[in-house]
Protein backbone atom coordinates (compact mmCIF):
# COMPACT_ATOMS: atom_id res chain seq x y z
CA UNK A 1 0.00 0.00 0.00
CA UNK A 2 1.44 3.35 -1.06
CA UNK A 3 1.15 6.27 1.36
CA UNK A 4 2.26 9.76 0.24
CA UNK A 5 5.34 10.89 2.11
CA UNK A 6 6.07 14.12 3.93
CA UNK A 7 9.01 15.24 6.09
CA UNK A 8 9.25 12.84 9.00
CA UNK A 9 10.92 12.51 12.37
CA UNK A 10 14.51 11.33 12.77
CA UNK A 11 13.50 8.78 15.40
CA UNK A 12 10.16 7.48 16.61
CA UNK A 13 8.96 5.18 19.38
CA UNK A 14 6.11 2.90 18.31
CA UNK A 15 3.90 1.26 20.95
CA UNK A 16 2.40 -1.56 18.87
CA UNK A 17 -0.96 -3.16 19.59
CA UNK A 18 -2.71 -5.77 17.46
CA UNK A 19 -3.88 -5.74 13.84
CA UNK A 20 -2.31 -4.08 10.78
CA UNK A 21 -2.24 -0.52 12.12
CA UNK A 22 1.28 -0.79 13.62
CA UNK A 23 2.66 -2.19 10.35
CA UNK A 24 1.09 0.55 8.23
CA UNK A 25 2.49 3.24 10.49
CA UNK A 26 5.86 1.49 10.59
CA UNK A 27 6.04 1.29 6.78
CA UNK A 28 5.02 4.93 6.39
CA UNK A 29 7.60 6.11 8.93
CA UNK A 30 10.38 4.04 7.38
CA UNK A 31 9.47 5.34 3.89
CA UNK A 32 10.31 8.80 5.24
CA UNK A 33 13.65 7.64 6.64
CA UNK A 34 12.54 7.63 10.28
CA UNK A 35 14.32 5.21 12.59
CA UNK A 36 11.71 3.30 14.60
CA UNK A 37 12.04 1.67 18.01
CA UNK A 38 9.11 -0.68 18.54
CA UNK A 39 7.70 -1.58 21.94
CA UNK A 40 5.80 -4.74 20.99
CA UNK A 41 3.15 -5.97 23.43
CA UNK A 42 3.42 -9.72 23.93
CA UNK A 43 -0.31 -10.11 24.52
CA UNK A 44 -1.26 -8.20 21.35
CA UNK A 45 1.41 -7.55 18.71
CA UNK A 46 1.73 -9.87 15.70
CA UNK A 47 5.00 -11.88 15.77
CA UNK A 48 5.55 -10.67 12.20
CA UNK A 49 7.07 -7.59 13.82
CA UNK A 50 10.31 -9.53 14.35
CA UNK A 51 10.44 -10.38 10.64
CA UNK A 52 10.11 -6.70 9.75
CA UNK A 53 13.00 -5.86 12.07
CA UNK A 54 15.15 -8.62 10.59
CA UNK A 55 14.58 -7.21 7.10
CA UNK A 56 15.18 -3.54 7.99
CA UNK A 57 18.14 -2.30 10.02
CA UNK A 58 16.21 0.90 10.84
CA UNK A 59 13.76 -1.03 13.04
CA UNK A 60 14.49 -2.26 16.55
CA UNK A 61 11.94 -4.35 18.40
CA UNK A 62 11.63 -4.85 22.16
CA UNK A 63 8.98 -7.22 23.50
CA UNK A 64 7.30 -6.45 26.81
CA UNK A 65 4.11 -7.31 28.64
CA UNK A 66 1.16 -4.96 28.80
CA UNK A 67 1.75 -4.03 32.43
CA UNK A 68 5.45 -3.09 32.10
CA UNK A 69 5.17 0.70 31.99
CA UNK A 70 8.54 1.27 33.68
CA UNK A 71 10.31 -0.96 31.15
CA UNK A 72 8.61 0.87 28.28
CA UNK A 73 9.97 4.18 29.56
CA UNK A 74 13.42 2.67 30.07
CA UNK A 75 13.51 1.25 26.52
CA UNK A 76 12.57 4.57 24.94
CA UNK A 77 14.89 6.65 27.11
CA UNK A 78 17.87 4.39 26.40
CA UNK A 79 17.12 4.67 22.67
CA UNK A 80 16.92 8.47 22.85
CA UNK A 81 13.21 8.56 21.97
CA UNK A 82 11.47 11.87 22.64
CA UNK A 83 8.35 11.27 20.50
CA UNK A 84 6.23 8.14 20.45
CA UNK A 85 2.98 6.93 18.95
CA UNK A 86 0.41 4.28 19.90
CA UNK A 87 -0.84 2.22 16.95
CA UNK A 88 -3.05 -0.84 17.00
CA UNK A 89 -5.77 -1.94 19.32
CA UNK A 90 -5.26 -3.19 22.83
CA UNK A 91 -8.48 -4.98 23.75
CA UNK A 92 -10.38 -3.09 26.43
CA UNK A 93 -11.05 -6.25 28.42
CA UNK A 94 -7.31 -7.06 28.25
CA UNK A 95 -6.42 -3.72 29.80
CA UNK A 96 -8.55 -4.31 32.87
CA UNK A 97 -8.29 -8.05 33.39
CA UNK A 98 -5.21 -10.17 32.81
CA UNK A 99 -2.35 -7.69 33.07
CA UNK A 100 0.18 -7.76 35.90
CA UNK A 101 1.01 -4.10 36.48
CA UNK A 102 4.47 -3.06 37.59
CA UNK A 103 4.76 -0.58 40.46
CA UNK A 104 4.44 2.46 38.19
CA UNK A 105 1.33 1.21 36.40
CA UNK A 106 -0.20 -0.04 39.66
CA UNK A 107 0.22 3.43 41.17
CA UNK A 108 -1.34 4.96 38.06
CA UNK A 109 -4.32 2.57 38.15
CA UNK A 110 -4.98 3.39 41.80
CA UNK A 111 -5.06 7.10 40.95
CA UNK A 112 -7.78 6.81 38.29
CA UNK A 113 -11.23 8.18 39.06
CA UNK A 114 -12.76 5.75 36.55
CA UNK A 115 -11.53 2.59 34.89
CA UNK A 116 -12.11 3.58 31.26
CA UNK A 117 -9.72 3.53 28.34
CA UNK A 118 -9.48 7.28 27.80
CA UNK A 119 -8.62 7.95 31.42
CA UNK A 120 -6.02 5.17 31.53
CA UNK A 121 -4.31 6.05 28.26
CA UNK A 122 -4.46 9.75 29.06
CA UNK A 123 -2.71 9.02 32.35
CA UNK A 124 -0.08 6.88 30.57
CA UNK A 125 0.49 9.73 28.10
CA UNK A 126 1.06 12.13 31.01
CA UNK A 127 3.55 9.76 32.65
CA UNK A 128 5.43 9.43 29.36
CA UNK A 129 5.41 13.21 28.93
CA UNK A 130 6.79 13.71 32.43
CA UNK A 131 9.64 11.40 31.41
CA UNK A 132 10.43 13.44 28.30
CA UNK A 133 8.53 11.24 25.82
CA UNK A 134 5.76 13.12 23.99
CA UNK A 135 2.91 10.94 22.72
CA UNK A 136 1.87 12.21 19.29
CA UNK A 137 -1.20 11.57 17.11
CA UNK A 138 -1.67 8.00 15.95
CA UNK A 139 -2.65 9.41 12.54
CA UNK A 140 0.86 10.82 12.08
CA UNK A 141 2.17 9.61 8.71
CA UNK A 142 -1.30 8.22 7.87
CA UNK A 143 -3.48 11.28 7.19
CA UNK A 144 -4.19 10.15 3.58
CA UNK A 145 -6.03 7.15 5.08
CA UNK A 146 -8.58 9.28 6.95
CA UNK A 147 -12.16 8.98 5.62
CA UNK A 148 -13.27 11.81 3.34
CA UNK A 149 -16.83 13.20 3.46
CA UNK A 150 -19.48 11.72 1.18
CA UNK A 151 -20.71 8.41 -0.20
CA UNK A 152 -17.71 6.19 -0.98
CA UNK A 153 -19.42 3.19 -2.52
CA UNK A 154 -21.39 2.54 -5.69
CA UNK A 155 -24.60 2.33 -3.70
CA UNK A 156 -25.73 5.23 -1.52
CA UNK A 157 -27.67 4.57 1.71
CA UNK A 158 -31.41 4.01 1.29
CA UNK A 159 -33.98 6.25 2.98
CA UNK A 160 -34.40 3.68 5.74
CA UNK A 161 -30.64 3.42 6.26
CA UNK A 162 -30.37 7.22 6.41
CA UNK A 163 -33.01 7.29 9.15
CA UNK A 164 -31.04 4.63 11.04
CA UNK A 165 -27.84 6.65 10.60
CA UNK A 166 -29.46 9.83 11.94
CA UNK A 167 -30.77 8.13 15.07
CA UNK A 168 -27.74 5.87 15.43
CA UNK A 169 -25.32 8.81 15.44
CA UNK A 170 -27.14 10.33 18.42
CA UNK A 171 -26.93 7.04 20.32
CA UNK A 172 -23.30 6.42 19.33
CA UNK A 173 -22.19 9.92 20.34
CA UNK A 174 -23.90 9.48 23.70
CA UNK A 175 -22.09 6.24 24.53
CA UNK A 176 -18.81 7.54 23.07
CA UNK A 177 -19.08 10.59 25.32
CA UNK A 178 -19.06 8.25 28.32
CA UNK A 179 -16.16 6.20 26.82
CA UNK A 180 -18.34 3.08 26.67
CA UNK A 181 -17.93 2.34 22.97
CA UNK A 182 -18.03 4.04 19.57
CA UNK A 183 -20.27 1.74 17.52
CA UNK A 184 -23.99 1.04 17.45
CA UNK A 185 -25.98 -1.23 15.14
CA UNK A 186 -29.48 -0.20 14.08
CA UNK A 187 -32.42 -1.75 12.24
CA UNK A 188 -35.68 0.02 11.40
CA UNK A 189 -34.88 2.83 13.88
CA UNK A 190 -34.35 0.30 16.66
CA UNK A 191 -31.00 -0.04 18.44
CA UNK A 192 -29.96 -3.69 18.09
CA UNK A 193 -26.48 -3.60 19.69
CA UNK A 194 -24.20 -1.14 21.48
CA UNK A 195 -20.42 -1.59 21.67
CA UNK A 196 -18.78 -1.96 25.06
CA UNK A 197 -15.50 -3.75 25.86
CA UNK A 198 -15.87 -6.43 23.17
CA UNK A 199 -14.94 -4.22 20.20
CA UNK A 200 -16.58 -3.33 16.88
CA UNK A 201 -16.47 -6.68 15.08
CA UNK A 202 -17.86 -8.55 18.08
CA UNK A 203 -20.66 -5.96 18.38
CA UNK A 204 -21.61 -6.42 14.71
CA UNK A 205 -21.58 -10.21 15.09
CA UNK A 206 -23.75 -9.96 18.21
CA UNK A 207 -26.23 -7.77 16.34
CA UNK A 208 -26.39 -10.30 13.50
CA UNK A 209 -26.97 -13.19 15.92
CA UNK A 210 -29.65 -11.25 17.78
CA UNK A 211 -31.44 -10.28 14.58
CA UNK A 212 -31.32 -13.87 13.35
CA UNK A 213 -32.83 -15.09 16.61
CA UNK A 214 -35.54 -12.42 16.52
CA UNK A 215 -36.50 -13.25 12.96
CA UNK A 216 -36.52 -16.95 13.81
CA UNK A 217 -39.10 -16.39 16.54
CA UNK A 218 -42.70 -15.31 16.18
CA UNK A 219 -42.66 -11.60 15.31
CA UNK A 220 -45.22 -8.90 15.98
CA UNK A 221 -47.23 -8.59 12.79
CA UNK A 222 -49.58 -5.95 11.46
CA UNK A 223 -52.26 -7.19 9.13
CA UNK A 224 -52.99 -4.93 6.18
CA UNK A 225 -56.31 -4.95 4.32
CA UNK A 226 -54.91 -7.49 1.87
CA UNK A 227 -54.11 -9.86 4.71
CA UNK A 228 -50.31 -9.85 4.27
CA UNK A 229 -48.03 -9.67 7.31
CA UNK A 230 -45.09 -7.29 7.80
CA UNK A 231 -42.34 -8.15 10.29
CA UNK A 232 -41.63 -5.65 13.07
CA UNK A 233 -37.93 -5.32 12.05
CA UNK A 234 -36.28 -5.43 8.67
CA UNK A 235 -33.54 -7.97 8.24
CA UNK A 236 -30.79 -5.52 7.22
CA UNK A 237 -28.57 -3.78 9.78
CA UNK A 238 -26.88 -0.38 9.68
CA UNK A 239 -23.56 0.08 11.49
CA UNK A 240 -22.64 3.53 12.81
CA UNK A 241 -19.10 4.13 14.06
CA UNK A 242 -18.22 7.57 15.45
CA UNK A 243 -15.31 9.43 16.99
CA UNK A 244 -15.54 10.42 20.61
CA UNK A 245 -16.41 14.01 21.46
CA UNK A 246 -13.08 15.86 21.46
CA UNK A 247 -11.46 12.68 20.10
CA UNK A 248 -7.85 12.41 21.25
CA UNK A 249 -6.03 11.30 18.10
CA UNK A 250 -3.14 9.97 20.17
CA UNK A 251 -5.11 6.81 20.88
CA UNK A 252 -8.29 4.85 20.20
CA UNK A 253 -8.93 6.42 16.78
CA UNK A 254 -11.80 4.66 14.95
CA UNK A 255 -10.44 2.21 12.37
CA UNK A 256 -12.07 0.04 9.72
CA UNK A 257 -10.68 -2.42 7.16
CA UNK A 258 -11.67 -5.36 5.01
CA UNK A 259 -12.36 -7.44 8.14
CA UNK A 260 -15.06 -4.93 9.08
CA UNK A 261 -16.78 -5.45 5.73
CA UNK A 262 -16.50 -9.23 5.99
CA UNK A 263 -18.02 -9.16 9.48
CA UNK A 264 -20.86 -6.92 8.28
CA UNK A 265 -21.62 -9.21 5.37
CA UNK A 266 -21.76 -12.26 7.65
CA UNK A 267 -24.06 -10.42 10.07
CA UNK A 268 -26.42 -9.16 7.38
CA UNK A 269 -25.41 -5.48 7.70
CA UNK A 270 -25.94 -3.38 4.56
CA UNK A 271 -24.70 0.10 5.49
CA UNK A 272 -21.73 1.62 7.32
CA UNK A 273 -21.64 5.25 8.51
CA UNK A 274 -18.38 6.87 9.64
CA UNK A 275 -17.04 10.20 10.88
CA UNK A 276 -15.03 11.90 8.14
CA UNK A 277 -11.56 13.13 9.05
CA UNK A 278 -11.46 11.05 12.25
CA UNK A 279 -11.72 7.46 10.99
CA UNK A 280 -8.82 5.56 9.46
CA UNK A 281 -9.64 3.24 6.55
CA UNK A 282 -6.95 0.65 5.92
CA UNK A 283 -6.56 -0.48 2.29
CA UNK A 284 -9.37 1.70 0.93
CA UNK A 285 -9.46 0.11 -2.57
CA UNK A 286 -9.92 -3.36 -1.08
CA UNK A 287 -12.52 -2.09 1.41
CA UNK A 288 -14.56 -0.43 -1.35
CA UNK A 289 -14.26 -3.45 -3.65
CA UNK A 290 -15.49 -5.76 -0.88
CA UNK A 291 -18.32 -3.38 0.06
CA UNK A 292 -19.46 -2.95 -3.54
CA UNK A 293 -19.39 -6.70 -4.14
CA UNK A 294 -21.53 -7.23 -1.02
CA UNK A 295 -23.95 -4.36 -1.81
CA UNK A 296 -22.87 -2.48 1.32
CA UNK A 297 -23.12 1.33 1.32
CA UNK A 298 -20.40 3.35 3.07
CA UNK A 299 -20.86 7.03 3.86
CA UNK A 300 -18.81 9.48 5.93
CA UNK A 301 -20.08 12.72 7.44
CA UNK A 302 -18.16 15.51 9.18
CA UNK A 303 -17.73 14.74 12.88
CA UNK A 304 -19.50 17.04 15.31
CA UNK A 305 -17.34 19.33 17.41
């Protein structure tokens, strides 16, 4: 995938989560001649990261566990890193369940007013900053991948899907404002599923399973004069994914890719609505080809301030 280049940093620290995001950012940074020191999370990062380092002398990889905040700081300071970026998801349930925090992270966790992702990552960013390591936007080097306003696919949303998008955005912004999730799934102006710790794909799958179970049971029916019955909910689902109010682009930026489209197709979802300028789309040509082949409409609207 080709990403237009612009003047880059001499050296960058990359805190790598799961998925393809870390690799895209790594490739873009290296294309600009930036030396990259990768802090790879054992519980999340793809082992392919070692192969990338073996093939490129400008990449150094250090593996550490999710709870080793002190070691992360030590690795970056020893490498002379003053700017770092987080790229790739760390599962929300992972953050608050299986990790063994070191003393620094344990102290940080005890200081939090609420156990949500924004508060935790914001606190980590402050600790890094206090140690001379500025956390920069995760869209650095990847701005060309941000969604542009308008309909992206061959098919535009139907009137029913537009109604679902309008209502779904209100619901999604409400839950995003409380850092619960950023995705909702709608059908016929009814909210079928709301994202929490499980992530977007799991939310879409849950909505598909719920809809299938509802349609498999006896549905509420309205008899028209001709005696035909209409189900209470349509089969198709609309997925709405939004940025958080005052989205901090240093972490947890909304991301979609071909896996999102595959999951939607399996769940029976026919429309995807995004926030323009604040959602990263990985491999846009492949995403659009998959969406068009599946008859899925994708539309992006300017995010609300």
